[in-house]
Amino acid sequence: MFRTALFIAALAASPVFAQSTPSPDGARVYFIGLEDGATVSNPVTLHFGLSGMGVAPVGVDLPNTGHHHLLINRAPFGADDVGFGVPADDNHRHFGAGQTEVTLELPPGTHTLQLVLADLNHVPHDPPVVSAVISVTVE
């Protein structure tokens, strides 16, 4: 009984690891009409591009699909992010209804942006489908 309780406590204390959904070779996600180093004005409209896969809302389990996540002003998506659901906060915006664009207000200054495609459970695919990190300056 003690071992079982200890095992359950250890599981509860460790981060939740989720099964990643495979992505097809050559899949890519990108910003449409927005280049690295661009100067923009509020409100900022971002258009999300995707090739080699389709867009599907959260909870829809279709092959080679996912939904967009926008990473704002955070470290680039990396190995530490693989296998875990994308958090939901000011630096991680979810588009679980299958949206492919957003209009938002960003404070004046320079901001980094990156797109990450995730599966029906908000877990990035394997291998991850991520855009390049771009910087924009809001005037």
C-alpha atoms as a PDB file:
ATOM      1  CA  MET A   1       0.000   0.000   0.000  1.00  0.00           C
ATOM      2  CA  PHE A   2       2.797   2.406   0.926  1.00  0.00           C
ATOM      3  CA  ARG A   3       4.591   1.709  -2.393  1.00  0.00           C
ATOM      4  CA  THR A   4       1.401   2.368  -4.347  1.00  0.00           C
ATOM      5  CA  ALA A   5       0.853   5.666  -2.534  1.00  0.00           C
ATOM      6  CA  LEU A   6       4.483   6.651  -3.103  1.00  0.00           C
ATOM      7  CA  PHE A   7       4.220   5.801  -6.832  1.00  0.00           C
ATOM      8  CA  ILE A   8       1.025   7.865  -7.212  1.00  0.00           C
ATOM      9  CA  ALA A   9       2.607  10.797  -5.367  1.00  0.00           C
ATOM     10  CA  ALA A  10       5.655  10.644  -7.654  1.00  0.00           C
ATOM     11  CA  LEU A  11       3.435  10.684 -10.735  1.00  0.00           C
ATOM     12  CA  ALA A  12       1.449  13.640  -9.419  1.00  0.00           C
ATOM     13  CA  ALA A  13       4.635  15.607  -8.703  1.00  0.00           C
ATOM     14  CA  SER A  14       6.126  15.081 -12.172  1.00  0.00           C
ATOM     15  CA  PRO A  15       5.093  17.034 -15.271  1.00  0.00           C
ATOM     16  CA  VAL A  16       2.417  15.421 -17.374  1.00  0.00           C
ATOM     17  CA  PHE A  17       3.898  13.871 -20.498  1.00  0.00           C
ATOM     18  CA  ALA A  18       1.512  13.516 -23.405  1.00  0.00           C
ATOM     19  CA  GLN A  19       1.675  11.306 -26.469  1.00  0.00           C
ATOM     20  CA  SER A  20       2.624  13.326 -29.557  1.00  0.00           C
ATOM     21  CA  THR A  21       0.739  12.923 -32.828  1.00  0.00           C
ATOM     22  CA  PRO A  22       2.980  12.308 -35.861  1.00  0.00           C
ATOM     23  CA  SER A  23       3.364  15.053 -38.457  1.00  0.00           C
ATOM     24  CA  PRO A  24       3.946  14.305 -42.129  1.00  0.00           C
ATOM     25  CA  ASP A  25       7.294  14.985 -43.800  1.00  0.00           C
ATOM     26  CA  GLY A  26       7.548  18.510 -45.149  1.00  0.00           C
ATOM     27  CA  ALA A  27       4.724  20.023 -43.078  1.00  0.00           C
ATOM     28  CA  ARG A  28       5.335  23.654 -42.237  1.00  0.00           C
ATOM     29  CA  VAL A  29       3.651  26.597 -40.565  1.00  0.00           C
ATOM     30  CA  TYR A  30       4.455  30.251 -41.275  1.00  0.00           C
ATOM     31  CA  PHE A  31       3.226  33.843 -41.132  1.00  0.00           C
ATOM     32  CA  ILE A  32       1.599  35.136 -44.316  1.00  0.00           C
ATOM     33  CA  GLY A  33       2.596  38.639 -45.407  1.00  0.00           C
ATOM     34  CA  LEU A  34       4.709  39.415 -42.346  1.00  0.00           C
ATOM     35  CA  GLU A  35       8.485  39.426 -42.575  1.00  0.00           C
ATOM     36  CA  ASP A  36      11.079  39.293 -39.833  1.00  0.00           C
ATOM     37  CA  GLY A  37      12.018  42.848 -38.830  1.00  0.00           C
ATOM     38  CA  ALA A  38       8.747  44.405 -40.034  1.00  0.00           C
ATOM     39  CA  THR A  39       7.405  47.588 -38.473  1.00  0.00           C
ATOM     40  CA  VAL A  40       3.651  47.447 -37.829  1.00  0.00           C
ATOM     41  CA  SER A  41       0.909  49.526 -36.228  1.00  0.00           C
ATOM     42  CA  ASN A  42      -1.905  48.520 -33.903  1.00  0.00           C
ATOM     43  CA  PRO A  43      -4.142  46.729 -34.286  1.00  0.00           C
ATOM     44  CA  VAL A  44      -1.844  44.019 -35.678  1.00  0.00           C
ATOM     45  CA  THR A  45      -3.450  41.358 -37.866  1.00  0.00           C
ATOM     46  CA  LEU A  46      -1.527  38.106 -38.196  1.00  0.00           C
ATOM     47  CA  HIS A  47      -2.369  35.509 -40.857  1.00  0.00           C
ATOM     48  CA  PHE A  48      -1.257  31.911 -40.242  1.00  0.00           C
ATOM     49  CA  GLY A  49      -0.144  29.737 -43.143  1.00  0.00           C
ATOM     50  CA  LEU A  50       0.106  25.954 -43.176  1.00  0.00           C
ATOM     51  CA  SER A  51       1.251  23.519 -45.851  1.00  0.00           C
ATOM     52  CA  GLY A  52       1.355  19.738 -45.822  1.00  0.00           C
ATOM     53  CA  MET A  53      -1.350  19.514 -43.144  1.00  0.00           C
ATOM     54  CA  GLY A  54      -4.873  20.743 -42.481  1.00  0.00           C
ATOM     55  CA  VAL A  55      -6.473  22.796 -39.727  1.00  0.00           C
ATOM     56  CA  ALA A  56      -8.975  21.163 -37.360  1.00  0.00           C
ATOM     57  CA  PRO A  57     -10.474  22.406 -34.074  1.00  0.00           C
ATOM     58  CA  VAL A  58      -9.470  21.047 -30.672  1.00  0.00           C
ATOM     59  CA  GLY A  59     -10.926  17.598 -30.064  1.00  0.00           C
ATOM     60  CA  VAL A  60     -11.229  16.703 -33.757  1.00  0.00           C
ATOM     61  CA  ASP A  61      -9.075  13.664 -34.468  1.00  0.00           C
ATOM     62  CA  LEU A  62      -8.330  13.641 -38.199  1.00  0.00           C
ATOM     63  CA  PRO A  63      -5.026  12.510 -39.715  1.00  0.00           C
ATOM     64  CA  ASN A  64      -2.456  15.212 -40.469  1.00  0.00           C
ATOM     65  CA  THR A  65      -4.388  18.043 -38.818  1.00  0.00           C
ATOM     66  CA  GLY A  66      -3.865  20.421 -35.929  1.00  0.00           C
ATOM     67  CA  HIS A  67      -4.591  23.921 -34.720  1.00  0.00           C
ATOM     68  CA  HIS A  68      -2.422  27.009 -34.335  1.00  0.00           C
ATOM     69  CA  HIS A  69      -0.728  28.415 -31.251  1.00  0.00           C
ATOM     70  CA  LEU A  70       0.988  31.799 -31.240  1.00  0.00           C
ATOM     71  CA  LEU A  71       4.023  32.243 -29.006  1.00  0.00           C
ATOM     72  CA  ILE A  72       4.624  35.880 -28.092  1.00  0.00           C
ATOM     73  CA  ASN A  73       7.784  37.219 -26.434  1.00  0.00           C
ATOM     74  CA  ARG A  74       9.104  33.912 -25.165  1.00  0.00           C
ATOM     75  CA  ALA A  75      12.082  31.710 -25.877  1.00  0.00           C
ATOM     76  CA  PRO A  76      11.906  29.853 -29.194  1.00  0.00           C
ATOM     77  CA  PHE A  77      10.079  26.529 -29.148  1.00  0.00           C
ATOM     78  CA  GLY A  78      12.660  23.926 -28.239  1.00  0.00           C
ATOM     79  CA  ALA A  79      13.372  20.419 -27.043  1.00  0.00           C
ATOM     80  CA  ASP A  80      12.019  21.185 -23.556  1.00  0.00           C
ATOM     81  CA  ASP A  81       8.598  21.909 -25.109  1.00  0.00           C
ATOM     82  CA  VAL A  82       8.301  18.603 -26.996  1.00  0.00           C
ATOM     83  CA  GLY A  83       5.737  16.146 -25.626  1.00  0.00           C
ATOM     84  CA  PHE A  84       3.903  18.640 -23.425  1.00  0.00           C
ATOM     85  CA  GLY A  85       0.708  20.581 -24.042  1.00  0.00           C
ATOM     86  CA  VAL A  86       1.120  24.252 -24.967  1.00  0.00           C
ATOM     87  CA  PRO A  87       0.296  26.398 -21.917  1.00  0.00           C
ATOM     88  CA  ALA A  88      -2.451  29.038 -22.114  1.00  0.00           C
ATOM     89  CA  ASP A  89      -1.283  32.466 -20.960  1.00  0.00           C
ATOM     90  CA  ASP A  90      -0.291  35.881 -22.335  1.00  0.00           C
ATOM     91  CA  ASN A  91       2.750  34.360 -24.077  1.00  0.00           C
ATOM     92  CA  HIS A  92       0.877  31.357 -25.537  1.00  0.00           C
ATOM     93  CA  ARG A  93      -2.307  32.094 -27.486  1.00  0.00           C
ATOM     94  CA  HIS A  94      -4.518  29.171 -28.517  1.00  0.00           C
ATOM     95  CA  PHE A  95      -6.643  29.032 -31.665  1.00  0.00           C
ATOM     96  CA  GLY A  96      -8.556  25.888 -30.838  1.00  0.00           C
ATOM     97  CA  ALA A  97     -11.567  26.711 -32.987  1.00  0.00           C
ATOM     98  CA  GLY A  98      -9.374  26.370 -36.068  1.00  0.00           C
ATOM     99  CA  GLN A  99      -8.742  30.095 -36.582  1.00  0.00           C
ATOM    100  CA  THR A 100      -6.088  31.042 -39.116  1.00  0.00           C
ATOM    101  CA  GLU A 101      -5.731  34.711 -38.212  1.00  0.00           C
ATOM    102  CA  VAL A 102      -5.922  37.058 -35.258  1.00  0.00           C
ATOM    103  CA  THR A 103      -6.072  40.799 -34.718  1.00  0.00           C
ATOM    104  CA  LEU A 104      -4.465  41.954 -31.501  1.00  0.00           C
ATOM    105  CA  GLU A 105      -3.015  44.954 -29.735  1.00  0.00           C
ATOM    106  CA  LEU A 106       0.659  44.780 -28.849  1.00  0.00           C
ATOM    107  CA  PRO A 107       2.432  47.413 -26.748  1.00  0.00           C
ATOM    108  CA  PRO A 108       4.812  49.691 -28.656  1.00  0.00           C
ATOM    109  CA  GLY A 109       8.256  48.158 -29.012  1.00  0.00           C
ATOM    110  CA  THR A 110       9.844  45.007 -30.390  1.00  0.00           C
ATOM    111  CA  HIS A 111       8.120  41.635 -30.025  1.00  0.00           C
ATOM    112  CA  THR A 112       9.015  38.073 -31.019  1.00  0.00           C
ATOM    113  CA  LEU A 113       6.406  35.830 -32.629  1.00  0.00           C
ATOM    114  CA  GLN A 114       6.394  32.124 -33.447  1.00  0.00           C
ATOM    115  CA  LEU A 115       3.700  29.703 -34.586  1.00  0.00           C
ATOM    116  CA  VAL A 116       3.373  26.140 -33.297  1.00  0.00           C
ATOM    117  CA  LEU A 117       0.883  23.624 -34.647  1.00  0.00           C
ATOM    118  CA  ALA A 118      -0.581  21.235 -32.072  1.00  0.00           C
ATOM    119  CA  ASP A 119      -2.893  18.238 -32.144  1.00  0.00           C
ATOM    120  CA  LEU A 120      -6.410  17.805 -30.794  1.00  0.00           C
ATOM    121  CA  ASN A 121      -4.990  17.853 -27.226  1.00  0.00           C
ATOM    122  CA  HIS A 122      -2.789  20.984 -27.639  1.00  0.00           C
ATOM    123  CA  VAL A 123       0.344  18.808 -27.848  1.00  0.00           C
ATOM    124  CA  PRO A 124       2.839  19.760 -30.589  1.00  0.00           C
ATOM    125  CA  HIS A 125       3.298  17.120 -33.280  1.00  0.00           C
ATOM    126  CA  ASP A 126       6.282  14.806 -33.661  1.00  0.00           C
ATOM    127  CA  PRO A 127       8.362  16.148 -35.247  1.00  0.00           C
ATOM    128  CA  PRO A 128       7.140  19.611 -34.190  1.00  0.00           C
ATOM    129  CA  VAL A 129       5.654  21.864 -36.871  1.00  0.00           C
ATOM    130  CA  VAL A 130       6.915  25.333 -35.912  1.00  0.00           C
ATOM    131  CA  SER A 131       7.614  28.561 -37.742  1.00  0.00           C
ATOM    132  CA  ALA A 132      10.788  30.574 -37.619  1.00  0.00           C
ATOM    133  CA  VAL A 133      10.830  33.131 -34.820  1.00  0.00           C
ATOM    134  CA  ILE A 134      10.253  36.598 -36.238  1.00  0.00           C
ATOM    135  CA  SER A 135      10.608  40.018 -34.625  1.00  0.00           C
ATOM    136  CA  VAL A 136       8.241  42.888 -35.299  1.00  0.00           C
ATOM    137  CA  THR A 137       8.345  46.445 -34.038  1.00  0.00           C
ATOM    138  CA  VAL A 138       5.052  48.069 -33.100  1.00  0.00           C
ATOM    139  CA  GLU A 139       4.995  51.862 -33.497  1.00  0.00           C
END
